[in-house]
Amino acid sequence: MSLAVIQMVSQADVLANLAQARLLLEQAAGRGARLAVLPENFAAMGRSDLAELGRCEAVGEGPILPWLYQTARDLGLWIVAGTLPLPPDAQPGAKPRACSLLIDEYGQRVARYDKLHLFDVEVGDSHGCYRESDDFAYGEQVVVADTPLGRLGLTVCYDLRFPELFSALREAGAELISLPAAFTAVTGAAHWQVLTRARAIETQCYVLAAGQGGSHPGGRETFGHSAIIDPWGRVLAEQAAGQAVLVAARDAAEQAAIRQRMPVARHKRFFATAEPRLPGVEQS
């Protein structure tokens, strides 16, 4: 009952990326994994035709979804499919969302999570400015789903900076949290490792952080350092750069013991923010 995280260095060629992802997933299954997480943009990086890619997939004309369902069936593997540029269900012409799908071992879609927080920031790298909202629409819902390895909460990349989302996933019963990502080299070096460990510690969940780790079209550099982190914040497996398959077992008994010894979910309190008091002014 092991968990796997896949690190890739995806390029613009969809078919080549899918072939590489298949090899890595085969390795994960061969090492006993029951659930594997692919990175953000695993099927394509650096493409300018995301809306058209998503439309083709939505109407059944693209290669990615059939490949995904077949691979899950062939390998008997639950797969978190990183992200795909999919429009909302039943709206193939709409603006795509950065969508993370959970597929079961029979090749059936179990859950869909649309990225809530879009990366519209200035970064001190060669790319400079990132505006995900130019290409994607915002997601709207928190998503958790049951798997054979535990209850899974789904997140994507920039979501990592918003602890309230991870808290909501824990409140919804999450025991595992998937985090496909393509963190920039600059922001990753500054914050990735401390934030992934913090989210695991705060939620007392396993964090499955599957990153891109290398050079991509358009001069983009991603940080890598994919990892499996346990509910105590220990890094069970990590890869700095390049392609990798990381595998670790979930210890459900130890996770339950951690939550019992330190019951932070029960201790959580809600409080109102006090109104500011002006010096020398009496307030009631």
C-alpha atoms as a PDB file:
ATOM      1  CA  MET A   1       0.000   0.000   0.000  1.00  0.00           C
ATOM      2  CA  SER A   2       2.611   2.503  -1.133  1.00  0.00           C
ATOM      3  CA  LEU A   3       2.407   6.054  -2.464  1.00  0.00           C
ATOM      4  CA  ALA A   4       4.399   7.354  -5.427  1.00  0.00           C
ATOM      5  CA  VAL A   5       5.409  10.805  -6.611  1.00  0.00           C
ATOM      6  CA  ILE A   6       6.630  11.311 -10.182  1.00  0.00           C
ATOM      7  CA  GLN A   7       9.055  14.092 -11.106  1.00  0.00           C
ATOM      8  CA  MET A   8       9.353  15.059 -14.781  1.00  0.00           C
ATOM      9  CA  VAL A   9      10.991  17.630 -17.045  1.00  0.00           C
ATOM     10  CA  SER A  10       8.105  18.011 -19.491  1.00  0.00           C
ATOM     11  CA  GLN A  11       8.541  19.707 -22.854  1.00  0.00           C
ATOM     12  CA  ALA A  12       6.107  20.915 -25.529  1.00  0.00           C
ATOM     13  CA  ASP A  13       5.690  17.542 -27.285  1.00  0.00           C
ATOM     14  CA  VAL A  14       2.575  15.939 -25.802  1.00  0.00           C
ATOM     15  CA  LEU A  15       3.157  12.429 -27.146  1.00  0.00           C
ATOM     16  CA  ALA A  16       6.776  12.365 -25.988  1.00  0.00           C
ATOM     17  CA  ASN A  17       5.707  13.515 -22.515  1.00  0.00           C
ATOM     18  CA  LEU A  18       3.032  10.828 -22.326  1.00  0.00           C
ATOM     19  CA  ALA A  19       5.535   8.148 -23.347  1.00  0.00           C
ATOM     20  CA  GLN A  20       7.929   9.288 -20.622  1.00  0.00           C
ATOM     21  CA  ALA A  21       5.156   9.482 -18.025  1.00  0.00           C
ATOM     22  CA  ARG A  22       4.115   5.925 -18.900  1.00  0.00           C
ATOM     23  CA  LEU A  23       7.635   4.616 -18.251  1.00  0.00           C
ATOM     24  CA  LEU A  24       7.801   6.398 -14.905  1.00  0.00           C
ATOM     25  CA  LEU A  25       4.359   5.159 -13.845  1.00  0.00           C
ATOM     26  CA  GLU A  26       5.360   1.612 -14.800  1.00  0.00           C
ATOM     27  CA  GLN A  27       8.340   1.952 -12.474  1.00  0.00           C
ATOM     28  CA  ALA A  28       6.074   3.179  -9.687  1.00  0.00           C
ATOM     29  CA  ALA A  29       3.672   0.271 -10.117  1.00  0.00           C
ATOM     30  CA  GLY A  30       6.589  -2.158 -10.295  1.00  0.00           C
ATOM     31  CA  ARG A  31       7.790  -0.878  -6.921  1.00  0.00           C
ATOM     32  CA  GLY A  32       4.421  -1.568  -5.322  1.00  0.00           C
ATOM     33  CA  ALA A  33       2.698   1.805  -5.558  1.00  0.00           C
ATOM     34  CA  ARG A  34      -1.099   1.847  -5.525  1.00  0.00           C
ATOM     35  CA  LEU A  35      -1.443   5.617  -6.039  1.00  0.00           C
ATOM     36  CA  ALA A  36       0.889   7.885  -8.048  1.00  0.00           C
ATOM     37  CA  VAL A  37       0.914  11.673  -8.464  1.00  0.00           C
ATOM     38  CA  LEU A  38       2.115  13.252 -11.723  1.00  0.00           C
ATOM     39  CA  PRO A  39       3.450  16.843 -11.783  1.00  0.00           C
ATOM     40  CA  GLU A  40       1.667  19.966 -12.949  1.00  0.00           C
ATOM     41  CA  ASN A  41       1.627  20.308 -16.765  1.00  0.00           C
ATOM     42  CA  PHE A  42       2.936  16.746 -17.096  1.00  0.00           C
ATOM     43  CA  ALA A  43       1.613  16.428 -20.665  1.00  0.00           C
ATOM     44  CA  ALA A  44       2.869  19.784 -21.983  1.00  0.00           C
ATOM     45  CA  MET A  45       5.022  22.702 -20.867  1.00  0.00           C
ATOM     46  CA  GLY A  46       5.582  25.981 -22.655  1.00  0.00           C
ATOM     47  CA  ARG A  47       2.709  25.697 -25.160  1.00  0.00           C
ATOM     48  CA  SER A  48       0.664  28.691 -26.273  1.00  0.00           C
ATOM     49  CA  ASP A  49      -2.354  26.669 -27.452  1.00  0.00           C
ATOM     50  CA  LEU A  50      -3.671  25.506 -24.079  1.00  0.00           C
ATOM     51  CA  ALA A  51      -7.277  26.437 -24.853  1.00  0.00           C
ATOM     52  CA  GLU A  52      -7.246  24.364 -28.036  1.00  0.00           C
ATOM     53  CA  LEU A  53      -5.568  21.441 -26.271  1.00  0.00           C
ATOM     54  CA  GLY A  54      -8.277  21.539 -23.629  1.00  0.00           C
ATOM     55  CA  ARG A  55     -11.094  21.805 -26.140  1.00  0.00           C
ATOM     56  CA  CYS A  56      -9.810  18.775 -28.056  1.00  0.00           C
ATOM     57  CA  GLU A  57      -9.647  16.721 -24.868  1.00  0.00           C
ATOM     58  CA  ALA A  58     -13.131  17.829 -23.821  1.00  0.00           C
ATOM     59  CA  VAL A  59     -14.735  16.679 -27.094  1.00  0.00           C
ATOM     60  CA  GLY A  60     -12.802  13.408 -27.241  1.00  0.00           C
ATOM     61  CA  GLU A  61     -10.325  14.398 -29.961  1.00  0.00           C
ATOM     62  CA  GLY A  62      -7.159  14.608 -27.852  1.00  0.00           C
ATOM     63  CA  PRO A  63      -4.667  11.913 -26.867  1.00  0.00           C
ATOM     64  CA  ILE A  64      -4.225  12.708 -23.174  1.00  0.00           C
ATOM     65  CA  LEU A  65      -7.408  11.461 -21.513  1.00  0.00           C
ATOM     66  CA  PRO A  66      -7.561   8.137 -23.423  1.00  0.00           C
ATOM     67  CA  TRP A  67      -3.891   7.582 -22.546  1.00  0.00           C
ATOM     68  CA  LEU A  68      -4.611   8.369 -18.894  1.00  0.00           C
ATOM     69  CA  TYR A  69      -7.558   5.987 -18.565  1.00  0.00           C
ATOM     70  CA  GLN A  70      -5.717   3.183 -20.381  1.00  0.00           C
ATOM     71  CA  THR A  71      -2.549   3.599 -18.327  1.00  0.00           C
ATOM     72  CA  ALA A  72      -4.478   3.396 -15.045  1.00  0.00           C
ATOM     73  CA  ARG A  73      -6.196   0.206 -16.233  1.00  0.00           C
ATOM     74  CA  ASP A  74      -3.039  -1.399 -17.573  1.00  0.00           C
ATOM     75  CA  LEU A  75      -1.061  -0.756 -14.401  1.00  0.00           C
ATOM     76  CA  GLY A  76      -3.889  -1.206 -11.869  1.00  0.00           C
ATOM     77  CA  LEU A  77      -2.856   2.170 -10.490  1.00  0.00           C
ATOM     78  CA  TRP A  78      -4.712   5.139  -9.026  1.00  0.00           C
ATOM     79  CA  ILE A  79      -3.322   8.268 -10.707  1.00  0.00           C
ATOM     80  CA  VAL A  80      -3.493  11.952  -9.811  1.00  0.00           C
ATOM     81  CA  ALA A  81      -3.060  13.387 -13.291  1.00  0.00           C
ATOM     82  CA  GLY A  82      -1.040  16.479 -12.426  1.00  0.00           C
ATOM     83  CA  THR A  83      -2.899  19.197 -14.307  1.00  0.00           C
ATOM     84  CA  LEU A  84      -4.595  19.360 -17.682  1.00  0.00           C
ATOM     85  CA  PRO A  85      -6.055  22.455 -19.406  1.00  0.00           C
ATOM     86  CA  LEU A  86      -9.678  21.294 -19.343  1.00  0.00           C
ATOM     87  CA  PRO A  87     -12.773  23.503 -19.684  1.00  0.00           C
ATOM     88  CA  PRO A  88     -15.619  22.951 -17.224  1.00  0.00           C
ATOM     89  CA  ASP A  89     -17.566  19.741 -17.763  1.00  0.00           C
ATOM     90  CA  ALA A  90     -20.166  20.069 -20.528  1.00  0.00           C
ATOM     91  CA  GLN A  91     -18.684  23.420 -21.651  1.00  0.00           C
ATOM     92  CA  PRO A  92     -16.004  22.460 -24.222  1.00  0.00           C
ATOM     93  CA  GLY A  93     -15.798  25.991 -25.611  1.00  0.00           C
ATOM     94  CA  ALA A  94     -15.247  27.714 -22.275  1.00  0.00           C
ATOM     95  CA  LYS A  95     -11.952  29.017 -20.927  1.00  0.00           C
ATOM     96  CA  PRO A  96      -9.920  26.077 -19.586  1.00  0.00           C
ATOM     97  CA  ARG A  97      -9.078  25.514 -15.950  1.00  0.00           C
ATOM     98  CA  ALA A  98      -5.908  24.016 -14.514  1.00  0.00           C
ATOM     99  CA  CYS A  99      -7.596  20.734 -13.711  1.00  0.00           C
ATOM    100  CA  SER A 100      -6.258  17.860 -11.607  1.00  0.00           C
ATOM    101  CA  LEU A 101      -8.047  14.555 -12.171  1.00  0.00           C
ATOM    102  CA  LEU A 102      -8.083  11.529  -9.881  1.00  0.00           C
ATOM    103  CA  ILE A 103      -8.386   8.276 -11.855  1.00  0.00           C
ATOM    104  CA  ASP A 104      -8.945   4.886 -10.234  1.00  0.00           C
ATOM    105  CA  GLU A 105      -7.317   1.567 -11.087  1.00  0.00           C
ATOM    106  CA  TYR A 106     -10.141   0.732 -13.510  1.00  0.00           C
ATOM    107  CA  GLY A 107      -9.582   3.858 -15.561  1.00  0.00           C
ATOM    108  CA  GLN A 108     -12.608   5.699 -14.172  1.00  0.00           C
ATOM    109  CA  ARG A 109     -12.603   9.334 -13.153  1.00  0.00           C
ATOM    110  CA  VAL A 110     -13.227   9.624  -9.413  1.00  0.00           C
ATOM    111  CA  ALA A 111     -12.713  13.350  -8.806  1.00  0.00           C
ATOM    112  CA  ARG A 112     -11.850  16.618 -10.517  1.00  0.00           C
ATOM    113  CA  TYR A 113     -10.180  19.578  -8.835  1.00  0.00           C
ATOM    114  CA  ASP A 114      -9.833  22.931 -10.616  1.00  0.00           C
ATOM    115  CA  LYS A 115      -6.934  25.031  -9.293  1.00  0.00           C
ATOM    116  CA  LEU A 116      -8.277  27.694  -6.948  1.00  0.00           C
ATOM    117  CA  HIS A 117      -5.266  30.034  -6.804  1.00  0.00           C
ATOM    118  CA  LEU A 118      -3.706  31.189 -10.078  1.00  0.00           C
ATOM    119  CA  PHE A 119      -0.071  32.275 -10.305  1.00  0.00           C
ATOM    120  CA  ASP A 120      -0.182  35.970 -11.282  1.00  0.00           C
ATOM    121  CA  VAL A 121       3.135  37.225  -9.917  1.00  0.00           C
ATOM    122  CA  GLU A 122       6.433  38.918 -10.680  1.00  0.00           C
ATOM    123  CA  VAL A 123       9.449  36.612 -10.325  1.00  0.00           C
ATOM    124  CA  GLY A 124      13.106  37.568 -10.584  1.00  0.00           C
ATOM    125  CA  ASP A 125      13.985  35.013 -13.259  1.00  0.00           C
ATOM    126  CA  SER A 126      14.440  35.081 -17.047  1.00  0.00           C
ATOM    127  CA  HIS A 127      10.704  34.629 -17.556  1.00  0.00           C
ATOM    128  CA  GLY A 128       9.941  37.580 -15.287  1.00  0.00           C
ATOM    129  CA  CYS A 129       6.150  37.816 -15.242  1.00  0.00           C
ATOM    130  CA  TYR A 130       3.647  34.985 -14.845  1.00  0.00           C
ATOM    131  CA  ARG A 131      -0.078  35.474 -15.511  1.00  0.00           C
ATOM    132  CA  GLU A 132      -1.902  32.165 -15.261  1.00  0.00           C
ATOM    133  CA  SER A 133      -5.262  33.939 -15.306  1.00  0.00           C
ATOM    134  CA  ASP A 134      -4.568  34.910 -18.939  1.00  0.00           C
ATOM    135  CA  ASP A 135      -4.873  31.235 -19.872  1.00  0.00           C
ATOM    136  CA  PHE A 136      -7.011  29.726 -17.111  1.00  0.00           C
ATOM    137  CA  ALA A 137     -10.230  30.398 -15.241  1.00  0.00           C
ATOM    138  CA  TYR A 138     -10.336  30.085 -11.449  1.00  0.00           C
ATOM    139  CA  GLY A 139     -11.582  26.944  -9.744  1.00  0.00           C
ATOM    140  CA  GLU A 140     -14.366  27.169  -7.197  1.00  0.00           C
ATOM    141  CA  GLN A 141     -14.443  24.087  -4.943  1.00  0.00           C
ATOM    142  CA  VAL A 142     -12.411  22.205  -2.366  1.00  0.00           C
ATOM    143  CA  VAL A 143     -12.180  18.532  -3.368  1.00  0.00           C
ATOM    144  CA  VAL A 144     -11.525  15.385  -1.330  1.00  0.00           C
ATOM    145  CA  ALA A 145     -12.020  11.768  -2.400  1.00  0.00           C
ATOM    146  CA  ASP A 146     -11.632   8.292  -0.938  1.00  0.00           C
ATOM    147  CA  THR A 147      -8.836   6.038  -2.247  1.00  0.00           C
ATOM    148  CA  PRO A 148      -7.535   2.629  -1.116  1.00  0.00           C
ATOM    149  CA  LEU A 149      -4.672   4.425   0.640  1.00  0.00           C
ATOM    150  CA  GLY A 150      -6.755   6.972   2.508  1.00  0.00           C
ATOM    151  CA  ARG A 151      -8.865  10.059   1.984  1.00  0.00           C
ATOM    152  CA  LEU A 152      -7.147  12.351  -0.524  1.00  0.00           C
ATOM    153  CA  GLY A 153      -7.342  16.129  -0.734  1.00  0.00           C
ATOM    154  CA  LEU A 154      -6.352  17.691  -4.054  1.00  0.00           C
ATOM    155  CA  THR A 155      -4.296  20.876  -4.511  1.00  0.00           C
ATOM    156  CA  VAL A 156      -2.017  22.349  -7.203  1.00  0.00           C
ATOM    157  CA  CYS A 157       1.262  24.316  -7.004  1.00  0.00           C
ATOM    158  CA  TYR A 158       0.489  27.937  -5.988  1.00  0.00           C
ATOM    159  CA  ASP A 159      -2.237  26.602  -3.649  1.00  0.00           C
ATOM    160  CA  LEU A 160       0.681  25.694  -1.360  1.00  0.00           C
ATOM    161  CA  ARG A 161       0.871  29.325  -0.180  1.00  0.00           C
ATOM    162  CA  PHE A 162      -2.698  29.319   1.171  1.00  0.00           C
ATOM    163  CA  PRO A 163      -2.866  27.319   4.406  1.00  0.00           C
ATOM    164  CA  GLU A 164      -6.605  27.886   4.773  1.00  0.00           C
ATOM    165  CA  LEU A 165      -7.171  25.558   1.805  1.00  0.00           C
ATOM    166  CA  PHE A 166      -5.125  22.812   3.446  1.00  0.00           C
ATOM    167  CA  SER A 167      -6.994  23.368   6.702  1.00  0.00           C
ATOM    168  CA  ALA A 168     -10.292  22.953   4.840  1.00  0.00           C
ATOM    169  CA  LEU A 169      -9.045  19.685   3.342  1.00  0.00           C
ATOM    170  CA  ARG A 170      -8.133  18.365   6.807  1.00  0.00           C
ATOM    171  CA  GLU A 171     -11.562  19.373   8.113  1.00  0.00           C
ATOM    172  CA  ALA A 172     -13.081  17.414   5.213  1.00  0.00           C
ATOM    173  CA  GLY A 173     -11.226  14.311   6.388  1.00  0.00           C
ATOM    174  CA  ALA A 174      -8.072  14.378   4.269  1.00  0.00           C
ATOM    175  CA  GLU A 175      -5.288  11.992   5.276  1.00  0.00           C
ATOM    176  CA  LEU A 176      -3.234  12.483   2.110  1.00  0.00           C
ATOM    177  CA  ILE A 177      -2.795  15.683   0.071  1.00  0.00           C
ATOM    178  CA  SER A 178      -1.614  15.671  -3.535  1.00  0.00           C
ATOM    179  CA  LEU A 179       0.425  18.642  -4.736  1.00  0.00           C
ATOM    180  CA  PRO A 180       1.375  18.530  -8.420  1.00  0.00           C
ATOM    181  CA  ALA A 181       3.542  21.559  -9.109  1.00  0.00           C
ATOM    182  CA  ALA A 182       5.867  23.432 -11.457  1.00  0.00           C
ATOM    183  CA  PHE A 183       7.470  25.824  -8.957  1.00  0.00           C
ATOM    184  CA  THR A 184       9.918  28.268 -10.497  1.00  0.00           C
ATOM    185  CA  ALA A 185      13.569  27.787  -9.591  1.00  0.00           C
ATOM    186  CA  VAL A 186      13.627  31.157  -7.811  1.00  0.00           C
ATOM    187  CA  THR A 187      10.507  30.782  -5.672  1.00  0.00           C
ATOM    188  CA  GLY A 188      11.192  27.107  -5.109  1.00  0.00           C
ATOM    189  CA  ALA A 189      14.643  27.716  -3.700  1.00  0.00           C
ATOM    190  CA  ALA A 190      13.187  30.295  -1.321  1.00  0.00           C
ATOM    191  CA  HIS A 191      10.021  28.588  -0.116  1.00  0.00           C
ATOM    192  CA  TRP A 192       9.133  25.146  -1.536  1.00  0.00           C
ATOM    193  CA  GLN A 193      10.666  22.890   1.079  1.00  0.00           C
ATOM    194  CA  VAL A 194       9.645  24.889   4.126  1.00  0.00           C
ATOM    195  CA  LEU A 195       6.073  25.261   2.854  1.00  0.00           C
ATOM    196  CA  THR A 196       5.564  21.613   1.905  1.00  0.00           C
ATOM    197  CA  ARG A 197       6.789  20.481   5.326  1.00  0.00           C
ATOM    198  CA  ALA A 198       4.672  23.128   7.062  1.00  0.00           C
ATOM    199  CA  ARG A 199       1.515  22.016   5.272  1.00  0.00           C
ATOM    200  CA  ALA A 200       2.183  18.392   6.279  1.00  0.00           C
ATOM    201  CA  ILE A 201       2.792  19.352   9.908  1.00  0.00           C
ATOM    202  CA  GLU A 202      -0.238  21.656  10.138  1.00  0.00           C
ATOM    203  CA  THR A 203      -2.665  19.140   8.645  1.00  0.00           C
ATOM    204  CA  GLN A 204      -0.999  15.969   9.981  1.00  0.00           C
ATOM    205  CA  CYS A 205      -1.337  14.593   6.452  1.00  0.00           C
ATOM    206  CA  TYR A 206       1.015  12.926   4.016  1.00  0.00           C
ATOM    207  CA  VAL A 207       1.921  15.516   1.375  1.00  0.00           C
ATOM    208  CA  LEU A 208       2.637  14.096  -2.082  1.00  0.00           C
ATOM    209  CA  ALA A 209       4.563  16.903  -3.771  1.00  0.00           C
ATOM    210  CA  ALA A 210       5.190  16.057  -7.443  1.00  0.00           C
ATOM    211  CA  GLY A 211       7.192  18.734  -9.220  1.00  0.00           C
ATOM    212  CA  GLN A 212       8.762  19.586 -12.526  1.00  0.00           C
ATOM    213  CA  GLY A 213      12.534  19.666 -12.155  1.00  0.00           C
ATOM    214  CA  GLY A 214      14.579  21.170 -14.976  1.00  0.00           C
ATOM    215  CA  SER A 215      14.608  23.328 -18.121  1.00  0.00           C
ATOM    216  CA  HIS A 216      11.549  23.857 -20.304  1.00  0.00           C
ATOM    217  CA  PRO A 217      10.643  25.754 -23.501  1.00  0.00           C
ATOM    218  CA  GLY A 218      10.685  29.515 -23.259  1.00  0.00           C
ATOM    219  CA  GLY A 219      13.583  29.588 -20.821  1.00  0.00           C
ATOM    220  CA  ARG A 220      11.543  28.433 -17.839  1.00  0.00           C
ATOM    221  CA  GLU A 221      13.449  26.693 -15.037  1.00  0.00           C
ATOM    222  CA  THR A 222      11.596  24.645 -12.424  1.00  0.00           C
ATOM    223  CA  PHE A 223      12.816  23.800  -8.939  1.00  0.00           C
ATOM    224  CA  GLY A 224      12.120  20.078  -8.658  1.00  0.00           C
ATOM    225  CA  HIS A 225      12.732  18.682  -5.149  1.00  0.00           C
ATOM    226  CA  SER A 226       9.653  16.494  -5.399  1.00  0.00           C
ATOM    227  CA  ALA A 227       9.004  14.792  -2.083  1.00  0.00           C
ATOM    228  CA  ILE A 228       6.825  12.541   0.029  1.00  0.00           C
ATOM    229  CA  ILE A 229       6.410  14.072   3.474  1.00  0.00           C
ATOM    230  CA  ASP A 230       4.796  12.323   6.429  1.00  0.00           C
ATOM    231  CA  PRO A 231       2.352  13.809   8.977  1.00  0.00           C
ATOM    232  CA  TRP A 232       5.199  14.646  11.371  1.00  0.00           C
ATOM    233  CA  GLY A 233       6.939  16.679   8.667  1.00  0.00           C
ATOM    234  CA  ARG A 234       9.635  14.098   7.914  1.00  0.00           C
ATOM    235  CA  VAL A 235      10.812  13.899   4.309  1.00  0.00           C
ATOM    236  CA  LEU A 236      10.533  10.222   3.396  1.00  0.00           C
ATOM    237  CA  ALA A 237      11.823  10.616  -0.166  1.00  0.00           C
ATOM    238  CA  GLU A 238      13.092  13.534  -2.257  1.00  0.00           C
ATOM    239  CA  GLN A 239      14.639  14.218  -5.673  1.00  0.00           C
ATOM    240  CA  ALA A 240      16.430  17.464  -6.432  1.00  0.00           C
ATOM    241  CA  ALA A 241      16.291  17.566 -10.249  1.00  0.00           C
ATOM    242  CA  GLY A 242      15.570  15.510 -13.337  1.00  0.00           C
ATOM    243  CA  GLN A 243      13.140  12.651 -13.747  1.00  0.00           C
ATOM    244  CA  ALA A 244      12.418  10.459 -10.752  1.00  0.00           C
ATOM    245  CA  VAL A 245      10.050   7.977  -9.166  1.00  0.00           C
ATOM    246  CA  LEU A 246       9.718   8.339  -5.386  1.00  0.00           C
ATOM    247  CA  VAL A 247       7.919   5.651  -3.388  1.00  0.00           C
ATOM    248  CA  ALA A 248       7.045   5.439   0.306  1.00  0.00           C
ATOM    249  CA  ALA A 249       4.531   3.538   2.399  1.00  0.00           C
ATOM    250  CA  ARG A 250       1.734   5.178   4.344  1.00  0.00           C
ATOM    251  CA  ASP A 251       1.757   4.151   8.003  1.00  0.00           C
ATOM    252  CA  ALA A 252      -1.895   4.644   8.939  1.00  0.00           C
ATOM    253  CA  ALA A 253      -1.373   3.544  12.544  1.00  0.00           C
ATOM    254  CA  GLU A 254       1.436   6.031  13.083  1.00  0.00           C
ATOM    255  CA  GLN A 255      -0.623   8.806  11.494  1.00  0.00           C
ATOM    256  CA  ALA A 256      -3.519   8.040  13.818  1.00  0.00           C
ATOM    257  CA  ALA A 257      -1.151   8.064  16.798  1.00  0.00           C
ATOM    258  CA  ILE A 258       0.279  11.455  15.808  1.00  0.00           C
ATOM    259  CA  ARG A 259      -3.219  12.887  15.565  1.00  0.00           C
ATOM    260  CA  GLN A 260      -4.177  11.376  18.928  1.00  0.00           C
ATOM    261  CA  ARG A 261      -1.091  12.605  20.785  1.00  0.00           C
ATOM    262  CA  MET A 262      -1.379  16.093  19.323  1.00  0.00           C
ATOM    263  CA  PRO A 263      -5.096  16.635  18.495  1.00  0.00           C
ATOM    264  CA  VAL A 264      -4.707  19.995  16.761  1.00  0.00           C
ATOM    265  CA  ALA A 265      -7.956  19.531  14.817  1.00  0.00           C
ATOM    266  CA  ARG A 266      -9.896  19.405  18.108  1.00  0.00           C
ATOM    267  CA  HIS A 267      -7.931  22.279  19.616  1.00  0.00           C
ATOM    268  CA  LYS A 268      -8.608  24.665  16.749  1.00  0.00           C
ATOM    269  CA  ARG A 269     -10.435  27.810  17.848  1.00  0.00           C
ATOM    270  CA  PHE A 270     -12.140  30.526  15.881  1.00  0.00           C
ATOM    271  CA  PHE A 271     -11.832  34.118  16.986  1.00  0.00           C
ATOM    272  CA  ALA A 272     -12.917  37.562  15.934  1.00  0.00           C
ATOM    273  CA  THR A 273     -10.420  40.229  14.972  1.00  0.00           C
ATOM    274  CA  ALA A 274     -10.448  43.083  17.453  1.00  0.00           C
ATOM    275  CA  GLU A 275     -11.202  46.568  16.135  1.00  0.00           C
ATOM    276  CA  PRO A 276      -8.204  48.936  16.396  1.00  0.00           C
ATOM    277  CA  ARG A 277      -8.220  51.275  19.382  1.00  0.00           C
ATOM    278  CA  LEU A 278      -7.210  54.900  18.802  1.00  0.00           C
ATOM    279  CA  PRO A 279      -4.842  56.426  21.387  1.00  0.00           C
ATOM    280  CA  GLY A 280      -6.630  58.773  23.790  1.00  0.00           C
ATOM    281  CA  VAL A 281     -10.121  57.864  22.544  1.00  0.00           C
ATOM    282  CA  GLU A 282     -12.542  56.094  24.841  1.00  0.00           C
ATOM    283  CA  GLN A 283     -14.210  53.130  23.115  1.00  0.00           C
ATOM    284  CA  SER A 284     -16.951  50.918  24.401  1.00  0.00           C
END
